[in-house]
Each structure stands twice: as structure tokens, then as C-alpha cells.
Amino acid sequence: MEAERSRKEWQDFRTDNKRHFERIKDAFGLLNEAQSRTSKQVMNVAGEVGALTRLKESVVHNGQVISEVRQAYVEILPKLQDMYVLERKREAIAAVHRLGCVDTPRM
């Protein structure tokens, strides 16, 4: 009877140990899975940081281009205004000449 009880206790002990071992294996599996997901998330964040860095560089570059275009506009605007005024003067002079040709009596 004592041997039977001892064997049953041993069997129960082994069964409990197997159960605990399976729980530990499951816990390590979950930890491994969480670490893998965390690594992927870190890689995604690193990629997003890289994309944000490139976007920042692009914004800075676009700002420089806009500044250069604005400066060119400021420099060319007076020239365009002068050209417009000169063209209007030329058109007015041509119109006066045409009127002079029409109004002049021929002899």
C-alpha cells in the first residue's frame, strides 16, 4: 500500500511538473512572439523616422525653391512692368501714326 501511494505521489509530481513545464514553454513562446512583434514595430518606427527625415529635407528644399522663385519674381516684376508700359506706348504711337495717315489729306 505504501509503495502504491508513493508511486501515485511520484506520478502526480511528474504530471504537475509536466504541466508546469508546458506553462513555462508557453510563456517563453509568448515572450518570443512579443519580442518579435516589438522588433517589427521598432523597424517600422525606424522606417517612419527615416521617411519623416526625408520629408523634412524635402520641405526645407521646397522652402528654398519658393524663396528663390519669390526673389526672381521680385527682380523681374519691374522689368515686366516696364516692358508692358513700353508695349502700350508703342501701340499708342502706332495708333497715332495710323490716325495721322488717315486724317492727312492727299494732294
N, C-alpha and C. Protein backbone atom coordinates (compact mmCIF):
# COMPACT_ATOMS: atom_id res chain seq x y z
N MET A 1 0.82 -1.18 0.00
CA MET A 1 0.00 0.00 0.00
C MET A 1 0.87 1.27 0.00
N GLU A 2 1.91 1.23 0.79
CA GLU A 2 2.83 2.38 0.87
C GLU A 2 3.52 2.60 -0.47
N ALA A 3 3.90 1.55 -1.13
CA ALA A 3 4.55 1.65 -2.44
C ALA A 3 3.58 2.23 -3.47
N GLU A 4 2.34 1.77 -3.37
CA GLU A 4 1.31 2.28 -4.29
C GLU A 4 1.10 3.78 -4.08
N ARG A 5 1.02 4.20 -2.83
CA ARG A 5 0.84 5.62 -2.53
C ARG A 5 2.06 6.41 -2.99
N SER A 6 3.22 5.87 -2.78
CA SER A 6 4.46 6.52 -3.20
C SER A 6 4.51 6.66 -4.72
N ARG A 7 4.12 5.61 -5.43
CA ARG A 7 4.09 5.65 -6.89
C ARG A 7 3.07 6.69 -7.38
N LYS A 8 1.90 6.75 -6.72
CA LYS A 8 0.88 7.73 -7.11
C LYS A 8 1.39 9.14 -6.87
N GLU A 9 2.04 9.38 -5.73
CA GLU A 9 2.60 10.70 -5.45
C GLU A 9 3.65 11.06 -6.50
N TRP A 10 4.48 10.06 -6.84
CA TRP A 10 5.51 10.30 -7.87
C TRP A 10 4.85 10.63 -9.21
N GLN A 11 3.82 9.88 -9.55
CA GLN A 11 3.10 10.12 -10.80
C GLN A 11 2.46 11.51 -10.79
N ASP A 12 1.83 11.88 -9.68
CA ASP A 12 1.23 13.21 -9.56
C ASP A 12 2.29 14.31 -9.66
N PHE A 13 3.43 14.06 -9.02
CA PHE A 13 4.53 15.02 -9.07
C PHE A 13 5.01 15.20 -10.51
N ARG A 14 5.18 14.10 -11.23
CA ARG A 14 5.61 14.17 -12.63
C ARG A 14 4.57 14.87 -13.49
N THR A 15 3.30 14.58 -13.26
CA THR A 15 2.23 15.22 -14.02
C THR A 15 2.22 16.73 -13.77
N ASP A 16 2.35 17.11 -12.49
CA ASP A 16 2.41 18.54 -12.15
C ASP A 16 3.62 19.20 -12.80
N ASN A 17 4.76 18.52 -12.76
CA ASN A 17 5.96 19.08 -13.37
C ASN A 17 5.79 19.24 -14.88
N LYS A 18 5.18 18.26 -15.53
CA LYS A 18 4.94 18.37 -16.97
C LYS A 18 4.03 19.56 -17.27
N ARG A 19 2.99 19.72 -16.45
CA ARG A 19 2.07 20.83 -16.63
C ARG A 19 2.80 22.17 -16.45
N HIS A 20 3.62 22.26 -15.40
CA HIS A 20 4.39 23.49 -15.17
C HIS A 20 5.38 23.73 -16.31
N PHE A 21 6.01 22.65 -16.78
CA PHE A 21 6.95 22.78 -17.88
C PHE A 21 6.24 23.29 -19.14
N GLU A 22 5.05 22.78 -19.42
CA GLU A 22 4.27 23.24 -20.57
C GLU A 22 3.90 24.72 -20.41
N ARG A 23 3.52 25.11 -19.20
CA ARG A 23 3.21 26.52 -18.95
C ARG A 23 4.44 27.40 -19.19
N ILE A 24 5.59 26.94 -18.72
CA ILE A 24 6.83 27.71 -18.93
C ILE A 24 7.14 27.79 -20.41
N LYS A 25 6.99 26.67 -21.14
CA LYS A 25 7.21 26.69 -22.59
C LYS A 25 6.26 27.68 -23.27
N ASP A 26 4.99 27.66 -22.87
CA ASP A 26 4.01 28.60 -23.44
C ASP A 26 4.40 30.04 -23.13
N ALA A 27 4.84 30.29 -21.89
CA ALA A 27 5.24 31.64 -21.51
C ALA A 27 6.43 32.11 -22.35
N PHE A 28 7.42 31.23 -22.55
CA PHE A 28 8.56 31.60 -23.39
C PHE A 28 8.14 31.82 -24.84
N GLY A 29 7.19 31.03 -25.30
CA GLY A 29 6.66 31.23 -26.65
C GLY A 29 6.01 32.59 -26.80
N LEU A 30 5.20 32.96 -25.78
CA LEU A 30 4.56 34.27 -25.80
C LEU A 30 5.59 35.40 -25.73
N LEU A 31 6.61 35.22 -24.89
CA LEU A 31 7.68 36.22 -24.80
C LEU A 31 8.41 36.36 -26.13
N ASN A 32 8.69 35.25 -26.77
CA ASN A 32 9.38 35.27 -28.06
C ASN A 32 8.52 35.97 -29.11
N GLU A 33 7.23 35.67 -29.11
CA GLU A 33 6.31 36.31 -30.04
C GLU A 33 6.23 37.82 -29.79
N ALA A 34 6.15 38.21 -28.52
CA ALA A 34 6.10 39.63 -28.17
C ALA A 34 7.39 40.34 -28.59
N GLN A 35 8.53 39.68 -28.38
CA GLN A 35 9.81 40.27 -28.77
C GLN A 35 9.88 40.44 -30.28
N SER A 36 9.36 39.46 -31.01
CA SER A 36 9.36 39.53 -32.47
C SER A 36 8.49 40.70 -32.94
N ARG A 37 7.29 40.82 -32.35
CA ARG A 37 6.41 41.93 -32.71
C ARG A 37 7.04 43.27 -32.35
N THR A 38 7.69 43.32 -31.20
CA THR A 38 8.35 44.56 -30.78
C THR A 38 9.46 44.93 -31.76
N SER A 39 10.23 43.93 -32.20
CA SER A 39 11.29 44.19 -33.17
C SER A 39 10.71 44.74 -34.47
N LYS A 40 9.61 44.15 -34.91
CA LYS A 40 8.96 44.63 -36.14
C LYS A 40 8.47 46.07 -35.95
N GLN A 41 7.89 46.35 -34.79
CA GLN A 41 7.41 47.70 -34.53
C GLN A 41 8.57 48.69 -34.48
N VAL A 42 9.69 48.28 -33.89
CA VAL A 42 10.87 49.15 -33.86
C VAL A 42 11.35 49.42 -35.27
N MET A 43 11.37 48.39 -36.11
CA MET A 43 11.79 48.56 -37.50
C MET A 43 10.82 49.49 -38.23
N ASN A 44 9.52 49.34 -37.99
CA ASN A 44 8.52 50.22 -38.61
C ASN A 44 8.72 51.67 -38.16
N VAL A 45 8.95 51.86 -36.87
CA VAL A 45 9.18 53.21 -36.36
C VAL A 45 10.45 53.80 -36.97
N ALA A 46 11.49 52.98 -37.08
CA ALA A 46 12.73 53.46 -37.69
C ALA A 46 12.48 53.87 -39.14
N GLY A 47 11.69 53.08 -39.86
CA GLY A 47 11.33 53.43 -41.23
C GLY A 47 10.55 54.72 -41.30
N GLU A 48 9.62 54.90 -40.37
CA GLU A 48 8.82 56.13 -40.34
C GLU A 48 9.69 57.33 -40.00
N VAL A 49 10.65 57.15 -39.10
CA VAL A 49 11.57 58.24 -38.77
C VAL A 49 12.39 58.61 -40.00
N GLY A 50 12.83 57.59 -40.75
CA GLY A 50 13.56 57.87 -42.00
C GLY A 50 12.69 58.62 -42.99
N ALA A 51 11.44 58.21 -43.10
CA ALA A 51 10.52 58.89 -44.03
C ALA A 51 10.27 60.33 -43.58
N LEU A 52 10.14 60.53 -42.28
CA LEU A 52 9.94 61.89 -41.77
C LEU A 52 11.18 62.75 -42.01
N THR A 53 12.36 62.15 -41.88
CA THR A 53 13.59 62.88 -42.15
C THR A 53 13.64 63.31 -43.61
N ARG A 54 13.29 62.37 -44.51
CA ARG A 54 13.27 62.71 -45.94
C ARG A 54 12.22 63.79 -46.22
N LEU A 55 11.06 63.69 -45.58
CA LEU A 55 10.02 64.70 -45.76
C LEU A 55 10.50 66.07 -45.27
N LYS A 56 11.18 66.09 -44.13
CA LYS A 56 11.71 67.35 -43.60
C LYS A 56 12.70 67.96 -44.59
N GLU A 57 13.59 67.12 -45.13
CA GLU A 57 14.56 67.62 -46.11
C GLU A 57 13.85 68.16 -47.34
N SER A 58 12.79 67.48 -47.76
CA SER A 58 12.02 67.93 -48.92
C SER A 58 11.34 69.26 -48.64
N VAL A 59 10.79 69.42 -47.45
CA VAL A 59 10.13 70.67 -47.07
C VAL A 59 11.15 71.81 -47.05
N VAL A 60 12.33 71.54 -46.49
CA VAL A 60 13.38 72.57 -46.46
C VAL A 60 13.77 72.95 -47.88
N HIS A 61 13.94 71.94 -48.74
CA HIS A 61 14.31 72.21 -50.13
C HIS A 61 13.21 73.01 -50.83
N ASN A 62 11.96 72.61 -50.64
CA ASN A 62 10.85 73.34 -51.25
C ASN A 62 10.81 74.79 -50.76
N GLY A 63 11.09 75.00 -49.49
CA GLY A 63 11.14 76.36 -48.96
C GLY A 63 12.21 77.19 -49.64
N GLN A 64 13.36 76.56 -49.88
CA GLN A 64 14.44 77.27 -50.57
C GLN A 64 14.03 77.61 -52.00
N VAL A 65 13.40 76.65 -52.68
CA VAL A 65 12.95 76.90 -54.06
C VAL A 65 11.92 78.03 -54.09
N ILE A 66 10.97 77.99 -53.17
CA ILE A 66 9.95 79.05 -53.10
C ILE A 66 10.60 80.40 -52.86
N SER A 67 11.58 80.43 -51.98
CA SER A 67 12.29 81.68 -51.70
C SER A 67 13.01 82.19 -52.94
N GLU A 68 13.65 81.29 -53.69
CA GLU A 68 14.34 81.69 -54.92
C GLU A 68 13.35 82.19 -55.97
N VAL A 69 12.21 81.50 -56.09
CA VAL A 69 11.19 81.93 -57.06
C VAL A 69 10.64 83.30 -56.67
N ARG A 70 10.39 83.49 -55.39
CA ARG A 70 9.88 84.78 -54.92
C ARG A 70 10.89 85.89 -55.22
N GLN A 71 12.17 85.63 -54.98
CA GLN A 71 13.21 86.62 -55.25
C GLN A 71 13.27 86.93 -56.75
N ALA A 72 13.20 85.88 -57.58
CA ALA A 72 13.21 86.09 -59.03
C ALA A 72 12.00 86.91 -59.46
N TYR A 73 10.85 86.64 -58.88
CA TYR A 73 9.63 87.39 -59.20
C TYR A 73 9.81 88.86 -58.83
N VAL A 74 10.36 89.10 -57.64
CA VAL A 74 10.59 90.49 -57.20
C VAL A 74 11.55 91.20 -58.15
N GLU A 75 12.56 90.46 -58.63
CA GLU A 75 13.53 91.08 -59.54
C GLU A 75 12.96 91.31 -60.93
N ILE A 76 12.12 90.42 -61.42
CA ILE A 76 11.63 90.52 -62.80
C ILE A 76 10.38 91.38 -62.92
N LEU A 77 9.63 91.55 -61.84
CA LEU A 77 8.37 92.30 -61.91
C LEU A 77 8.56 93.72 -62.46
N PRO A 78 9.53 94.51 -61.96
CA PRO A 78 9.70 95.85 -62.53
C PRO A 78 10.03 95.81 -64.02
N LYS A 79 10.82 94.83 -64.43
CA LYS A 79 11.17 94.71 -65.85
C LYS A 79 9.92 94.39 -66.68
N LEU A 80 9.09 93.51 -66.17
CA LEU A 80 7.84 93.18 -66.87
C LEU A 80 6.92 94.40 -66.95
N GLN A 81 6.86 95.15 -65.87
CA GLN A 81 6.02 96.36 -65.88
C GLN A 81 6.55 97.36 -66.91
N ASP A 82 7.88 97.53 -66.96
CA ASP A 82 8.47 98.43 -67.96
C ASP A 82 8.17 97.95 -69.37
N MET A 83 8.30 96.63 -69.58
CA MET A 83 8.01 96.08 -70.91
C MET A 83 6.55 96.32 -71.28
N TYR A 84 5.65 96.15 -70.33
CA TYR A 84 4.23 96.37 -70.58
C TYR A 84 3.97 97.83 -70.95
N VAL A 85 4.56 98.73 -70.18
CA VAL A 85 4.38 100.17 -70.45
C VAL A 85 4.95 100.51 -71.82
N LEU A 86 6.14 100.01 -72.13
CA LEU A 86 6.75 100.29 -73.44
C LEU A 86 5.90 99.73 -74.58
N GLU A 87 5.34 98.55 -74.39
CA GLU A 87 4.47 97.96 -75.43
C GLU A 87 3.23 98.83 -75.63
N ARG A 88 2.65 99.31 -74.53
CA ARG A 88 1.47 100.19 -74.64
C ARG A 88 1.84 101.49 -75.35
N LYS A 89 3.02 102.02 -75.04
CA LYS A 89 3.46 103.24 -75.72
C LYS A 89 3.63 102.98 -77.21
N ARG A 90 4.25 101.85 -77.53
CA ARG A 90 4.45 101.50 -78.94
C ARG A 90 3.11 101.38 -79.66
N GLU A 91 2.14 100.73 -79.01
CA GLU A 91 0.81 100.60 -79.60
C GLU A 91 0.15 101.97 -79.78
N ALA A 92 0.32 102.83 -78.78
CA ALA A 92 -0.27 104.18 -78.87
C ALA A 92 0.37 104.97 -80.00
N ILE A 93 1.70 104.89 -80.13
CA ILE A 93 2.39 105.60 -81.21
C ILE A 93 1.94 105.07 -82.56
N ALA A 94 1.81 103.75 -82.67
CA ALA A 94 1.36 103.15 -83.92
C ALA A 94 -0.06 103.62 -84.25
N ALA A 95 -0.91 103.71 -83.23
CA ALA A 95 -2.29 104.17 -83.45
C ALA A 95 -2.30 105.62 -83.90
N VAL A 96 -1.46 106.44 -83.31
CA VAL A 96 -1.37 107.85 -83.71
C VAL A 96 -0.90 107.94 -85.14
N HIS A 97 0.09 107.16 -85.52
CA HIS A 97 0.58 107.17 -86.90
C HIS A 97 -0.51 106.74 -87.88
N ARG A 98 -1.26 105.73 -87.48
CA ARG A 98 -2.35 105.28 -88.36
C ARG A 98 -3.39 106.39 -88.52
N LEU A 99 -3.71 107.05 -87.41
CA LEU A 99 -4.67 108.15 -87.48
C LEU A 99 -4.11 109.29 -88.33
N GLY A 100 -2.83 109.54 -88.21
CA GLY A 100 -2.19 110.58 -89.00
C GLY A 100 -2.25 110.27 -90.47
N CYS A 101 -2.10 109.03 -90.84
CA CYS A 101 -2.17 108.62 -92.24
C CYS A 101 -3.59 108.74 -92.77
N VAL A 102 -4.55 108.46 -91.97
CA VAL A 102 -5.95 108.51 -92.39
C VAL A 102 -6.41 109.95 -92.50
N ASP A 103 -6.04 110.80 -91.53
CA ASP A 103 -6.51 112.18 -91.49
C ASP A 103 -5.75 113.10 -92.45
N THR A 104 -4.60 112.71 -92.88
CA THR A 104 -3.81 113.59 -93.76
C THR A 104 -4.43 113.62 -95.15
N PRO A 105 -4.78 114.85 -95.64
CA PRO A 105 -5.36 114.93 -96.98
C PRO A 105 -4.28 114.68 -98.03
N ARG A 106 -4.67 114.01 -99.07
CA ARG A 106 -3.71 113.68 -100.13
C ARG A 106 -3.82 114.72 -101.23
N MET A 107 -2.75 115.07 -101.72
CA MET A 107 -2.76 116.09 -102.76
C MET A 107 -2.16 115.63 -104.00
